[in-house]
N, C-alpha and C. Protein backbone atom coordinates (compact mmCIF):
# COMPACT_ATOMS: atom_id res chain seq x y z
N MET A 1 0.81 -1.26 0.08
CA MET A 1 0.13 0.03 0.20
C MET A 1 1.06 1.37 0.11
N VAL A 2 1.97 1.50 1.07
CA VAL A 2 2.91 2.10 0.95
C VAL A 2 3.46 2.57 -0.35
N GLU A 3 3.81 1.71 -1.12
CA GLU A 3 4.44 2.13 -2.42
C GLU A 3 3.62 2.32 -3.38
N VAL A 4 2.33 1.82 -3.22
CA VAL A 4 1.25 2.55 -4.46
C VAL A 4 1.11 3.99 -4.03
N VAL A 5 0.89 4.17 -2.94
CA VAL A 5 0.83 5.66 -2.77
C VAL A 5 1.98 6.59 -2.79
N ALA A 6 3.34 5.76 -2.90
CA ALA A 6 4.18 6.71 -3.35
C ALA A 6 4.22 7.11 -4.97
N THR A 7 4.33 5.85 -5.70
CA THR A 7 3.92 5.85 -6.75
C THR A 7 3.24 7.09 -7.29
N GLY A 8 1.90 7.07 -6.51
CA GLY A 8 0.74 7.94 -7.33
C GLY A 8 0.85 9.32 -7.03
N THR A 9 1.85 9.49 -5.61
CA THR A 9 2.16 10.99 -5.42
C THR A 9 3.48 11.47 -6.57
N ARG A 10 4.11 10.17 -6.59
CA ARG A 10 5.31 10.99 -7.77
C ARG A 10 4.65 11.40 -9.36
N THR A 11 3.85 10.24 -9.43
CA THR A 11 2.70 10.65 -10.77
C THR A 11 2.22 12.11 -10.79
N LEU A 12 1.62 12.31 -9.55
CA LEU A 12 0.68 13.75 -9.47
C LEU A 12 1.84 14.77 -9.48
N ILE A 13 2.88 14.66 -9.06
CA ILE A 13 3.93 15.38 -9.06
C ILE A 13 4.60 15.70 -10.38
N LEU A 14 4.74 14.90 -11.07
CA LEU A 14 5.08 14.75 -12.68
C LEU A 14 4.30 15.57 -13.34
N GLU A 15 3.18 14.86 -13.31
CA GLU A 15 1.88 15.77 -14.04
C GLU A 15 1.89 17.17 -13.74
N ALA A 16 1.91 17.50 -12.41
CA ALA A 16 1.86 19.04 -12.18
C ALA A 16 3.21 19.88 -12.78
N ALA A 17 4.40 19.30 -12.86
CA ALA A 17 5.56 19.68 -13.37
C ALA A 17 5.39 19.84 -14.80
N ARG A 18 4.68 18.97 -15.66
CA ARG A 18 4.66 18.83 -16.82
C ARG A 18 3.77 20.12 -17.47
N ARG A 19 2.62 20.45 -16.46
CA ARG A 19 1.81 21.58 -16.92
C ARG A 19 2.31 22.85 -16.55
N GLN A 20 2.96 22.73 -15.34
CA GLN A 20 3.75 24.16 -15.08
C GLN A 20 4.63 24.52 -16.19
N LEU A 21 5.54 23.33 -16.43
CA LEU A 21 6.59 23.57 -17.54
C LEU A 21 6.20 24.13 -18.55
N LEU A 22 5.02 23.82 -19.21
CA LEU A 22 4.16 24.27 -20.51
C LEU A 22 3.85 25.68 -20.25
N ALA A 23 3.58 26.08 -18.92
CA ALA A 23 2.83 27.09 -18.87
C ALA A 23 4.09 28.29 -18.69
N ASP A 24 4.76 28.21 -18.14
CA ASP A 24 6.03 29.32 -17.42
C ASP A 24 7.32 28.93 -18.05
N GLY A 25 7.53 27.73 -18.93
CA GLY A 25 8.96 27.20 -19.15
C GLY A 25 9.76 26.72 -18.01
N TYR A 26 10.92 26.71 -18.37
CA TYR A 26 11.91 26.05 -17.33
C TYR A 26 12.38 26.93 -16.25
N ALA A 27 12.85 28.29 -16.92
CA ALA A 27 13.15 29.32 -16.24
C ALA A 27 12.16 29.90 -15.14
N GLY A 28 10.67 29.58 -15.50
CA GLY A 28 9.60 30.12 -14.24
C GLY A 28 8.96 29.03 -13.53
N LEU A 29 9.88 27.87 -13.63
CA LEU A 29 9.11 26.80 -12.93
C LEU A 29 9.85 26.69 -11.55
N SER A 30 8.58 26.69 -10.74
CA SER A 30 8.87 26.67 -9.23
C SER A 30 8.38 25.23 -8.35
N THR A 31 9.57 24.57 -7.67
CA THR A 31 8.89 23.62 -6.93
C THR A 31 7.57 23.74 -5.92
N ARG A 32 7.66 24.95 -5.24
CA ARG A 32 6.59 25.21 -4.42
C ARG A 32 5.34 25.14 -5.49
N LYS A 33 5.28 25.88 -6.55
CA LYS A 33 4.00 25.87 -7.38
C LYS A 33 3.53 24.54 -7.77
N VAL A 34 4.61 23.89 -8.06
CA VAL A 34 4.42 22.23 -8.77
C VAL A 34 3.81 21.48 -7.43
N ALA A 35 4.50 21.55 -6.13
CA ALA A 35 3.53 20.89 -4.99
C ALA A 35 2.17 21.60 -4.98
N GLU A 36 1.99 22.91 -4.89
CA GLU A 36 0.39 23.26 -4.53
C GLU A 36 -0.41 22.75 -5.81
N LEU A 37 0.00 22.97 -6.95
CA LEU A 37 -0.57 22.44 -7.85
C LEU A 37 -0.85 20.74 -7.87
N ALA A 38 -0.11 19.95 -7.40
CA ALA A 38 -0.17 18.51 -7.22
C ALA A 38 -0.91 18.31 -5.96
N ARG A 39 -0.63 19.35 -5.20
CA ARG A 39 -1.73 19.09 -3.79
C ARG A 39 -1.06 18.07 -2.91
N VAL A 40 0.32 18.28 -2.87
CA VAL A 40 1.06 17.24 -2.03
C VAL A 40 1.82 18.30 -1.50
N PRO A 41 2.65 17.92 -0.33
CA PRO A 41 3.77 18.76 0.67
C PRO A 41 4.88 18.90 -0.17
N LEU A 42 5.43 20.18 -0.10
CA LEU A 42 6.80 20.86 -0.91
C LEU A 42 7.72 19.49 -0.27
N SER A 43 7.76 18.91 0.71
CA SER A 43 8.45 17.75 1.52
C SER A 43 8.74 16.42 0.07
N GLN A 44 7.35 16.34 -0.15
CA GLN A 44 7.04 15.25 -1.08
C GLN A 44 7.92 15.04 -2.21
N LEU A 45 7.70 16.31 -2.94
CA LEU A 45 8.74 16.65 -4.02
C LEU A 45 9.99 16.37 -3.90
N HIS A 46 10.74 17.15 -2.67
CA HIS A 46 11.95 16.79 -2.31
C HIS A 46 12.42 15.42 -2.26
N TYR A 47 11.36 14.68 -1.70
CA TYR A 47 11.62 13.26 -1.56
C TYR A 47 11.62 12.49 -2.36
N HIS A 48 11.14 12.80 -3.36
CA HIS A 48 11.08 11.99 -4.62
C HIS A 48 12.06 12.61 -5.70
N PHE A 49 12.33 13.49 -5.68
CA PHE A 49 13.29 14.33 -6.82
C PHE A 49 14.17 15.10 -6.41
N GLY A 50 14.43 15.37 -5.13
CA GLY A 50 15.78 16.23 -4.40
C GLY A 50 15.80 17.75 -4.91
N SER A 51 15.34 18.05 -6.10
CA SER A 51 15.42 19.39 -6.26
C SER A 51 14.51 19.90 -7.71
N LYS A 52 14.65 20.89 -8.47
CA LYS A 52 13.95 21.59 -9.08
C LYS A 52 14.60 20.42 -10.53
N GLN A 53 15.76 20.63 -10.50
CA GLN A 53 16.54 19.96 -11.56
C GLN A 53 16.30 18.47 -11.98
N GLY A 54 16.27 18.00 -10.50
CA GLY A 54 15.92 16.65 -10.56
C GLY A 54 14.52 16.41 -10.73
N LEU A 55 13.63 17.14 -10.41
CA LEU A 55 12.39 16.97 -10.89
C LEU A 55 12.24 17.17 -12.31
N ILE A 56 12.65 17.74 -13.19
CA ILE A 56 12.57 18.21 -14.60
C ILE A 56 13.09 17.31 -15.60
N LEU A 57 14.56 16.75 -14.81
CA LEU A 57 15.09 15.44 -15.63
C LEU A 57 14.44 14.63 -15.55
N ALA A 58 13.85 14.18 -14.51
CA ALA A 58 12.46 12.96 -14.21
C ALA A 58 11.41 12.83 -14.97
N LEU A 59 10.99 13.96 -15.16
CA LEU A 59 9.81 14.31 -16.12
C LEU A 59 10.23 14.01 -17.83
N PHE A 60 11.31 14.70 -17.97
CA PHE A 60 11.98 14.70 -19.41
C PHE A 60 11.94 13.27 -19.82
N ALA A 61 12.73 12.73 -19.08
CA ALA A 61 13.01 10.97 -18.98
C ALA A 61 12.19 10.40 -19.34
N GLU A 62 10.89 10.44 -18.37
CA GLU A 62 9.64 9.77 -18.26
C GLU A 62 8.89 9.73 -19.70
N GLU A 63 9.09 11.23 -20.22
CA GLU A 63 8.06 11.61 -21.26
C GLU A 63 8.68 11.05 -22.53
N ASN A 64 10.23 11.03 -22.33
CA ASN A 64 11.05 10.80 -23.87
C ASN A 64 11.25 9.16 -23.57
N GLN A 65 11.28 8.13 -22.56
CA GLN A 65 11.13 6.72 -22.97
C GLN A 65 9.87 6.16 -23.40
N ARG A 66 8.65 6.93 -22.91
CA ARG A 66 7.45 6.35 -23.35
C ARG A 66 7.11 6.58 -24.96
N ARG A 67 7.98 7.92 -25.31
CA ARG A 67 7.79 8.09 -26.72
C ARG A 67 8.94 6.91 -27.78
N LEU A 68 9.81 7.17 -27.11
CA LEU A 68 10.83 6.01 -27.86
C LEU A 68 10.48 4.65 -28.11
N GLU A 69 10.00 4.14 -26.81
CA GLU A 69 9.27 2.71 -27.16
C GLU A 69 8.00 2.84 -28.00
N ARG A 70 7.38 3.89 -28.13
CA ARG A 70 6.24 3.70 -29.03
C ARG A 70 6.88 3.95 -30.32
N GLN A 71 8.02 4.63 -30.73
CA GLN A 71 8.73 4.43 -32.16
C GLN A 71 9.07 3.35 -32.29
N ARG A 72 9.76 2.77 -31.32
CA ARG A 72 10.83 1.24 -31.48
C ARG A 72 9.44 0.18 -31.87
N ASN A 73 8.40 0.67 -31.26
CA ASN A 73 7.61 -0.39 -31.77
C ASN A 73 7.07 -0.06 -33.14
N MET A 74 6.58 0.88 -33.41
CA MET A 74 6.18 1.30 -34.64
C MET A 74 7.19 0.98 -35.85
N TYR A 75 8.36 1.34 -35.44
CA TYR A 75 9.39 0.92 -36.48
C TYR A 75 9.41 -1.00 -36.77
N ALA A 76 9.04 -1.28 -35.92
CA ALA A 76 9.52 -2.86 -35.83
C ALA A 76 8.16 -3.55 -36.38
N GLU A 77 6.98 -2.82 -36.73
CA GLU A 77 5.90 -3.42 -37.57
C GLU A 77 6.40 -3.76 -39.10
N ASP A 78 5.57 -5.01 -39.52
CA ASP A 78 5.67 -5.18 -40.83
C ASP A 78 4.93 -4.62 -41.96
N LEU A 79 5.44 -3.63 -42.04
CA LEU A 79 4.70 -2.42 -42.82
C LEU A 79 5.74 -1.79 -43.63
N PRO A 80 5.58 -1.39 -44.79
CA PRO A 80 6.61 -0.75 -45.93
C PRO A 80 7.13 0.49 -45.04
N LEU A 81 8.31 0.68 -45.54
CA LEU A 81 9.24 1.92 -44.75
C LEU A 81 8.16 3.35 -44.97
N TRP A 82 8.05 3.45 -46.15
CA TRP A 82 7.26 4.83 -46.06
C TRP A 82 5.95 5.21 -45.14
N ARG A 83 5.16 3.87 -45.26
CA ARG A 83 4.05 3.72 -44.07
C ARG A 83 4.35 4.42 -42.78
N ARG A 84 5.60 3.64 -42.45
CA ARG A 84 6.16 3.99 -41.15
C ARG A 84 6.70 5.26 -40.71
N TYR A 85 7.19 5.71 -41.95
CA TYR A 85 7.69 7.02 -41.80
C TYR A 85 6.49 8.15 -41.62
N GLU A 86 5.54 8.05 -42.55
CA GLU A 86 4.10 8.97 -42.25
C GLU A 86 3.62 8.62 -40.91
N ARG A 87 3.78 7.45 -40.20
CA ARG A 87 3.08 7.43 -39.07
C ARG A 87 4.19 8.38 -37.72
N ALA A 88 5.43 8.49 -38.04
CA ALA A 88 6.31 8.97 -37.40
C ALA A 88 5.83 10.57 -37.76
N CYS A 89 5.59 11.44 -38.65
CA CYS A 89 5.20 12.33 -39.01
C CYS A 89 3.67 12.71 -38.28
N ASP A 90 2.93 11.38 -38.01
CA ASP A 90 1.77 11.93 -37.39
C ASP A 90 2.00 12.01 -35.70
N TYR A 91 2.58 10.80 -35.81
CA TYR A 91 3.56 11.23 -34.21
C TYR A 91 3.98 12.86 -33.61
N LEU A 92 4.60 13.39 -34.81
CA LEU A 92 5.35 14.64 -34.45
C LEU A 92 3.76 15.63 -34.17
N GLU A 93 2.89 15.56 -34.99
CA GLU A 93 1.51 16.07 -34.35
C GLU A 93 1.41 15.81 -33.21
N ASP A 94 1.07 14.65 -32.75
CA ASP A 94 0.65 14.21 -31.04
C ASP A 94 1.75 14.86 -30.22
N ASP A 95 2.94 14.75 -30.81
CA ASP A 95 3.83 15.58 -29.38
C ASP A 95 3.58 16.96 -29.64
N LEU A 96 3.51 17.60 -30.20
CA LEU A 96 3.14 18.90 -30.29
C LEU A 96 2.10 19.41 -29.56
N ASP A 97 1.04 18.62 -29.85
CA ASP A 97 -0.37 18.99 -28.89
C ASP A 97 -0.48 18.60 -27.72
N SER A 98 0.53 17.05 -27.23
CA SER A 98 0.74 17.00 -25.96
C SER A 98 1.79 17.72 -24.75
N GLY A 99 2.83 18.54 -25.63
CA GLY A 99 3.37 19.30 -24.90
C GLY A 99 4.96 18.77 -24.73
N TYR A 100 5.05 17.63 -25.31
CA TYR A 100 6.21 16.69 -25.23
C TYR A 100 7.21 17.76 -25.73
N VAL A 101 7.26 18.01 -27.13
CA VAL A 101 8.03 18.91 -27.75
C VAL A 101 8.52 20.00 -27.11
N ARG A 102 7.52 20.65 -26.65
CA ARG A 102 7.95 22.00 -25.48
C ARG A 102 9.02 21.70 -24.54
N VAL A 103 8.53 20.62 -23.90
CA VAL A 103 9.42 20.14 -22.55
C VAL A 103 11.00 20.09 -23.30
N LEU A 104 11.13 19.20 -24.62
CA LEU A 104 12.17 18.91 -24.98
C LEU A 104 13.18 19.90 -25.27
N GLN A 105 12.55 20.92 -26.21
CA GLN A 105 13.15 22.01 -26.59
C GLN A 105 13.17 22.82 -25.26
N GLU A 106 12.69 22.97 -24.13
CA GLU A 106 13.19 23.98 -23.00
C GLU A 106 14.46 22.89 -22.33
N MET A 107 14.47 21.71 -22.22
CA MET A 107 15.54 21.02 -21.82
C MET A 107 16.66 21.31 -22.81
N ILE A 108 16.41 21.19 -24.06
CA ILE A 108 17.60 21.84 -24.91
C ILE A 108 18.58 22.93 -24.67
N ALA A 109 17.47 23.86 -24.58
CA ALA A 109 17.66 25.32 -24.04
C ALA A 109 18.46 25.37 -22.84
N ALA A 110 17.92 24.60 -21.74
CA ALA A 110 18.41 24.61 -20.31
C ALA A 110 19.93 24.32 -20.56
N GLY A 111 20.34 23.42 -21.27
CA GLY A 111 21.19 22.42 -21.43
C GLY A 111 22.63 23.33 -21.80
N TRP A 112 22.15 24.17 -22.54
CA TRP A 112 23.27 25.40 -22.97
C TRP A 112 24.08 26.01 -21.96
N SER A 113 23.48 26.02 -21.01
CA SER A 113 24.17 26.67 -19.87
C SER A 113 24.14 26.06 -18.57
N ASN A 114 23.65 24.72 -18.55
CA ASN A 114 23.71 23.78 -17.45
C ASN A 114 24.47 22.61 -17.92
N ARG A 115 25.69 22.29 -17.37
CA ARG A 115 26.45 21.33 -17.73
C ARG A 115 25.80 19.82 -17.39
N SER A 116 24.91 19.29 -16.11
CA SER A 116 24.38 18.56 -16.08
C SER A 116 23.06 18.18 -16.70
N VAL A 117 22.49 19.18 -17.11
CA VAL A 117 21.24 18.92 -17.61
C VAL A 117 21.53 18.76 -19.32
N CYS A 118 22.72 19.28 -19.63
CA CYS A 118 23.19 19.10 -21.04
C CYS A 118 23.68 17.72 -21.05
N GLU A 119 24.05 17.00 -20.27
CA GLU A 119 24.56 15.34 -20.49
C GLU A 119 23.55 14.75 -20.14
N ALA A 120 22.51 15.08 -19.35
CA ALA A 120 21.24 14.29 -19.43
C ALA A 120 20.07 14.21 -20.34
N VAL A 121 20.28 15.48 -21.31
CA VAL A 121 19.47 15.37 -22.72
C VAL A 121 20.77 14.71 -23.56
N GLN A 122 21.86 14.62 -23.64
CA GLN A 122 22.30 14.29 -24.63
C GLN A 122 22.04 12.74 -24.30
N ASP A 123 22.14 11.92 -23.16
CA ASP A 123 21.86 10.83 -23.00
C ASP A 123 20.52 10.11 -23.32
N LEU A 124 19.60 10.97 -23.30
CA LEU A 124 18.12 10.68 -23.46
C LEU A 124 17.95 10.72 -25.14
N LEU A 125 18.78 11.80 -25.58
CA LEU A 125 18.59 12.01 -27.25
C LEU A 125 19.31 11.06 -27.86
N VAL A 126 20.38 10.28 -27.32
CA VAL A 126 21.38 9.39 -28.38
C VAL A 126 20.52 8.35 -28.41
N GLY A 127 19.52 7.83 -27.43
CA GLY A 127 18.38 6.83 -28.10
C GLY A 127 17.99 6.72 -29.43
N TRP A 128 17.35 8.06 -29.44
CA TRP A 128 16.60 8.41 -30.75
C TRP A 128 17.47 8.47 -32.08
N PHE A 129 18.84 8.80 -32.05
CA PHE A 129 19.22 8.55 -33.06
C PHE A 129 20.23 7.27 -33.31
N HIS A 130 20.20 6.38 -32.21
CA HIS A 130 20.47 5.06 -32.73
C HIS A 130 19.34 4.13 -33.35
N LEU A 131 17.82 4.71 -33.14
CA LEU A 131 16.70 3.98 -33.42
C LEU A 131 16.76 4.53 -34.93
N LEU A 132 17.07 5.51 -35.36
CA LEU A 132 16.82 6.02 -36.40
C LEU A 132 18.02 5.36 -37.50
N ALA A 133 19.17 5.04 -36.74
CA ALA A 133 20.33 4.40 -37.41
C ALA A 133 19.91 2.89 -37.84
N ASP A 134 19.35 2.76 -36.75
CA ASP A 134 18.88 1.28 -37.27
C ASP A 134 17.79 0.96 -38.46
N VAL A 135 16.90 1.98 -38.35
CA VAL A 135 16.12 2.16 -39.67
C VAL A 135 16.75 2.54 -40.72
N ALA A 136 18.12 3.31 -40.90
CA ALA A 136 18.63 3.55 -41.90
C ALA A 136 19.24 2.41 -42.52
N SER A 137 19.68 1.54 -41.42
CA SER A 137 20.27 0.54 -42.29
C SER A 137 19.37 -0.56 -42.70
N GLU A 138 18.21 -0.54 -42.26
CA GLU A 138 17.16 -1.32 -43.09
C GLU A 138 17.07 -1.03 -44.45
N ALA A 139 16.92 0.31 -44.38
CA ALA A 139 16.91 1.04 -45.79
C ALA A 139 17.71 0.57 -46.69
N GLU A 140 19.11 0.49 -45.89
CA GLU A 140 20.25 0.24 -46.96
C GLU A 140 20.24 -1.02 -47.44
N ARG A 141 19.65 -2.00 -46.69
CA ARG A 141 19.51 -3.55 -46.97
C ARG A 141 18.27 -3.67 -47.92
N ARG A 142 17.28 -2.74 -47.93
CA ARG A 142 16.45 -2.89 -48.81
C ARG A 142 16.70 -2.31 -50.18
N TYR A 143 17.43 -1.38 -50.00
CA TYR A 143 17.83 -0.30 -51.52
C TYR A 143 19.30 -0.68 -51.92
N GLY A 144 20.07 -1.56 -51.33
CA GLY A 144 21.79 -1.66 -51.38
C GLY A 144 22.47 -0.76 -51.66
N SER A 145 21.89 0.57 -51.28
CA SER A 145 22.92 2.06 -51.13
C SER A 145 22.25 2.83 -50.35
N LEU A 146 22.68 3.75 -49.77
CA LEU A 146 22.51 4.90 -49.02
C LEU A 146 23.26 6.10 -49.59
N GLY A 147 23.53 6.02 -50.87
CA GLY A 147 24.10 6.83 -51.27
C GLY A 147 25.54 7.31 -51.16
N PRO A 148 25.92 8.78 -50.34
CA PRO A 148 27.40 8.71 -50.06
C PRO A 148 27.30 8.59 -48.24
N PHE A 149 26.08 8.47 -47.76
CA PHE A 149 25.80 8.40 -46.67
C PHE A 149 25.95 7.09 -45.67
N THR A 150 26.48 7.12 -44.74
CA THR A 150 26.43 6.08 -43.60
C THR A 150 24.92 5.96 -43.21
N ALA A 151 24.74 4.81 -42.46
CA ALA A 151 23.35 4.99 -41.79
C ALA A 151 23.36 6.03 -40.57
N GLU A 152 24.38 5.82 -39.95
CA GLU A 152 24.74 6.92 -38.90
C GLU A 152 24.36 8.59 -39.35
N GLU A 153 25.14 8.78 -40.25
CA GLU A 153 25.03 10.37 -41.01
C GLU A 153 23.47 10.41 -41.31
N LEU A 154 23.06 9.56 -41.99
CA LEU A 154 21.51 9.66 -42.58
C LEU A 154 20.73 9.78 -41.42
N ALA A 155 20.74 9.17 -40.29
CA ALA A 155 20.20 9.18 -39.14
C ALA A 155 20.34 10.57 -38.01
N ALA A 156 21.45 11.12 -38.17
CA ALA A 156 21.76 12.34 -37.73
C ALA A 156 21.20 13.58 -38.43
N LEU A 157 21.13 13.38 -40.19
CA LEU A 157 20.47 14.29 -40.66
C LEU A 157 18.88 14.00 -40.63
N VAL A 158 18.36 12.94 -40.41
CA VAL A 158 16.82 13.08 -40.12
C VAL A 158 16.63 13.37 -38.86
N GLY A 159 17.31 12.76 -37.71
CA GLY A 159 17.16 13.71 -36.47
C GLY A 159 17.11 14.93 -36.33
N CYS A 160 18.22 15.85 -36.99
CA CYS A 160 18.22 17.00 -36.43
C CYS A 160 17.42 17.70 -37.30
N THR A 161 17.00 17.30 -38.24
CA THR A 161 15.81 17.77 -38.80
C THR A 161 14.47 18.17 -38.26
N PHE A 162 13.88 16.77 -37.93
CA PHE A 162 12.80 16.72 -37.40
C PHE A 162 13.25 18.07 -35.58
N ILE A 163 14.30 17.76 -34.94
CA ILE A 163 14.70 18.87 -33.74
C ILE A 163 14.47 20.22 -33.98
N GLY A 164 15.04 20.54 -35.47
CA GLY A 164 15.23 21.75 -36.02
C GLY A 164 13.62 22.36 -36.41
N SER A 165 12.81 21.01 -36.73
CA SER A 165 11.23 21.67 -37.20
C SER A 165 10.34 21.78 -36.26
N GLU A 166 10.89 21.24 -35.27
CA GLU A 166 10.13 20.93 -34.08
C GLU A 166 10.43 22.55 -33.28
N ALA A 167 11.48 23.27 -33.12
CA ALA A 167 11.65 24.32 -32.81
C ALA A 167 11.18 25.56 -33.37
N LEU A 168 11.19 25.45 -34.82
CA LEU A 168 10.45 26.14 -35.67
C LEU A 168 8.87 26.30 -35.68
N LEU A 169 8.41 25.34 -35.22
CA LEU A 169 6.89 25.00 -35.25
C LEU A 169 6.53 25.82 -33.84
N LEU A 170 7.11 25.39 -32.68
CA LEU A 170 7.01 26.33 -31.72
C LEU A 170 7.20 27.77 -31.63
N LEU A 171 7.95 28.31 -32.77
CA LEU A 171 7.97 29.48 -32.82
C LEU A 171 6.87 30.32 -33.61
N GLY A 172 5.87 29.19 -34.32
CA GLY A 172 4.88 29.86 -35.02
C GLY A 172 5.24 29.88 -36.42
N PHE A 173 6.25 29.12 -36.70
CA PHE A 173 6.79 28.85 -38.31
C PHE A 173 5.83 27.72 -38.68
N ASP A 174 4.87 28.26 -39.58
CA ASP A 174 4.15 27.24 -40.17
C ASP A 174 3.93 27.80 -41.77
N ARG A 175 2.87 27.01 -42.49
CA ARG A 175 2.96 26.84 -43.98
C ARG A 175 3.15 28.36 -44.54
N GLN A 176 2.80 29.18 -43.91
CA GLN A 176 2.87 30.41 -44.01
C GLN A 176 4.02 31.46 -44.58
N LEU A 177 4.95 30.84 -43.77
CA LEU A 177 6.26 31.13 -43.47
C LEU A 177 7.36 30.24 -44.19
N VAL A 178 7.05 29.08 -43.63
CA VAL A 178 7.97 27.80 -44.32
C VAL A 178 7.14 27.01 -44.48
N PRO A 179 7.07 25.77 -45.24
CA PRO A 179 6.45 24.69 -45.45
C PRO A 179 6.93 23.44 -45.16
N ILE A 180 6.94 23.62 -43.50
CA ILE A 180 7.94 22.66 -42.50
C ILE A 180 7.13 21.25 -42.87
N ARG A 181 5.61 21.45 -42.37
CA ARG A 181 4.94 20.01 -42.50
C ARG A 181 4.95 18.93 -43.40
N SER A 182 4.66 20.13 -44.80
CA SER A 182 4.86 19.44 -46.24
C SER A 182 5.82 19.01 -46.58
N ALA A 183 7.13 19.50 -46.24
CA ALA A 183 8.60 19.27 -46.64
C ALA A 183 8.75 17.94 -45.89
N LEU A 184 8.36 17.61 -44.59
CA LEU A 184 8.78 16.47 -43.77
C LEU A 184 8.01 14.89 -44.49
N ARG A 185 6.60 15.64 -44.67
CA ARG A 185 5.78 14.71 -45.43
C ARG A 185 6.38 14.03 -46.96
N ARG A 186 6.36 14.94 -47.41
CA ARG A 186 6.92 14.53 -48.61
C ARG A 186 8.25 13.86 -49.00
N VAL A 187 9.14 13.67 -48.03
CA VAL A 187 10.08 12.42 -47.46
C VAL A 187 9.48 11.16 -47.95
N GLY A 188 8.16 11.05 -47.10
CA GLY A 188 7.53 9.89 -47.57
C GLY A 188 7.07 9.39 -48.92
N VAL A 189 6.60 10.43 -49.44
CA VAL A 189 6.43 10.28 -50.91
C VAL A 189 7.90 9.63 -51.86
N VAL A 190 8.89 10.35 -50.96
CA VAL A 190 10.07 9.79 -52.03
C VAL A 190 10.39 8.18 -51.57
N LEU A 191 10.51 7.90 -50.19
CA LEU A 191 10.39 6.79 -49.84
C LEU A 191 9.49 5.83 -50.42
N ARG A 192 8.28 6.13 -50.77
CA ARG A 192 7.14 5.26 -51.57
C ARG A 192 7.72 4.99 -52.95
N GLN A 193 8.23 5.65 -53.62
CA GLN A 193 8.38 5.65 -54.93
C GLN A 193 9.64 5.13 -55.08
N LEU A 194 10.56 5.30 -54.00
CA LEU A 194 11.80 4.07 -54.25
C LEU A 194 11.37 2.61 -53.99
N GLU A 195 10.51 2.46 -52.62
CA GLU A 195 10.23 1.18 -52.41
C GLU A 195 9.40 0.64 -53.59
N GLU A 196 8.75 1.39 -54.50
CA GLU A 196 7.46 0.94 -55.07
C GLU A 196 8.05 0.74 -56.41
N GLY A 197 9.32 1.40 -56.61
CA GLY A 197 10.02 1.59 -57.98
C GLY A 197 8.94 2.48 -58.90
N THR A 198 8.45 3.45 -58.59
CA THR A 198 7.38 4.33 -59.80
C THR A 198 8.64 5.40 -60.11
N GLU A 199 7.74 6.62 -60.57
CA GLU A 199 8.77 7.64 -61.08
C GLU A 199 9.35 8.20 -60.32
N ARG A 200 10.06 8.84 -60.80
CA ARG A 200 10.94 10.00 -59.88
C ARG A 200 10.13 10.82 -59.14
N PRO A 201 10.44 11.38 -57.62
CA PRO A 201 9.54 12.20 -56.97
C PRO A 201 9.56 13.40 -58.01
N GLY A 202 8.24 13.99 -57.52
CA GLY A 202 7.86 15.36 -58.04
C GLY A 202 6.80 15.82 -57.76
N ARG A 203 5.54 16.72 -57.97
CA ARG A 203 4.79 17.35 -57.74
C ARG A 203 3.47 17.13 -58.50
N THR A 204 3.16 16.11 -58.84
CA THR A 204 2.05 15.41 -59.41
C THR A 204 1.62 14.16 -59.24
N GLY A 205 0.56 13.81 -59.38
CA GLY A 205 -0.43 12.28 -59.12
C GLY A 205 -0.07 12.15 -57.73
N ASP A 206 0.52 10.75 -57.37
CA ASP A 206 0.61 10.56 -55.70
C ASP A 206 1.46 11.48 -55.10
N ALA A 207 2.15 12.32 -55.67
CA ALA A 207 2.96 13.19 -54.82
C ALA A 207 2.56 14.52 -54.24
N ARG A 208 1.27 14.46 -54.82
CA ARG A 208 0.71 15.97 -54.36
C ARG A 208 0.25 15.68 -53.04
N LEU A 209 0.44 16.81 -52.02
CA LEU A 209 -0.35 16.55 -50.46
C LEU A 209 -1.20 17.62 -50.60
N PRO A 210 -1.98 17.28 -49.42
CA PRO A 210 -3.35 18.00 -49.28
C PRO A 210 -2.81 19.76 -49.20
N ALA A 211 -3.65 20.49 -49.35
CA ALA A 211 -3.35 21.98 -49.18
C ALA A 211 -3.26 22.17 -47.81
N SER A 212 -3.87 21.62 -46.72
CA SER A 212 -3.70 21.85 -45.36
C SER A 212 -2.59 21.38 -44.76
N GLN A 213 -1.99 20.56 -45.66
CA GLN A 213 -0.47 19.92 -44.74
C GLN A 213 0.51 21.30 -45.15
């Protein structure tokens, strides 16, 4: 019973921290406010997480692990690679709506001036690049070549493209300024044409995307 209560308290604190982080950002997050929002004594927050930094790193680790497992499971499915890539684009929308992307970008920014945060974020993000390298290796086996790229280099390009795109989308860059979403999704069109051996990528036929993208 004690363990169940402790787990419940920890979950309440993490959820409250996520909500305050989305509302006030990393710099504005207060452990006292989080405790009040979670309706638990401040001492419970310090018992479970030690400090504001410990709380935020625990929040990011939990959010990151959940989504990394989701992505691993999706890429392990027996589907054409282009369909799995399209699912990854769908997940981006989910992650923007849920606030995960905001948490990620807040932690990246905090890591610029805080070495321990920087190292923690690096450790968590490297899992994504390893996953993408595995997917790129699969593509290499399917197509016979990745051109001049190694699987790790291609994973770096894709991962950095998504992280950079997320930052710009949070800043309000959308179709009217930069066609980020449609550009990301058009990579799926290229993958489909490679897998199906169809015509070179263009802007006609199946390559056309809805205007809402």
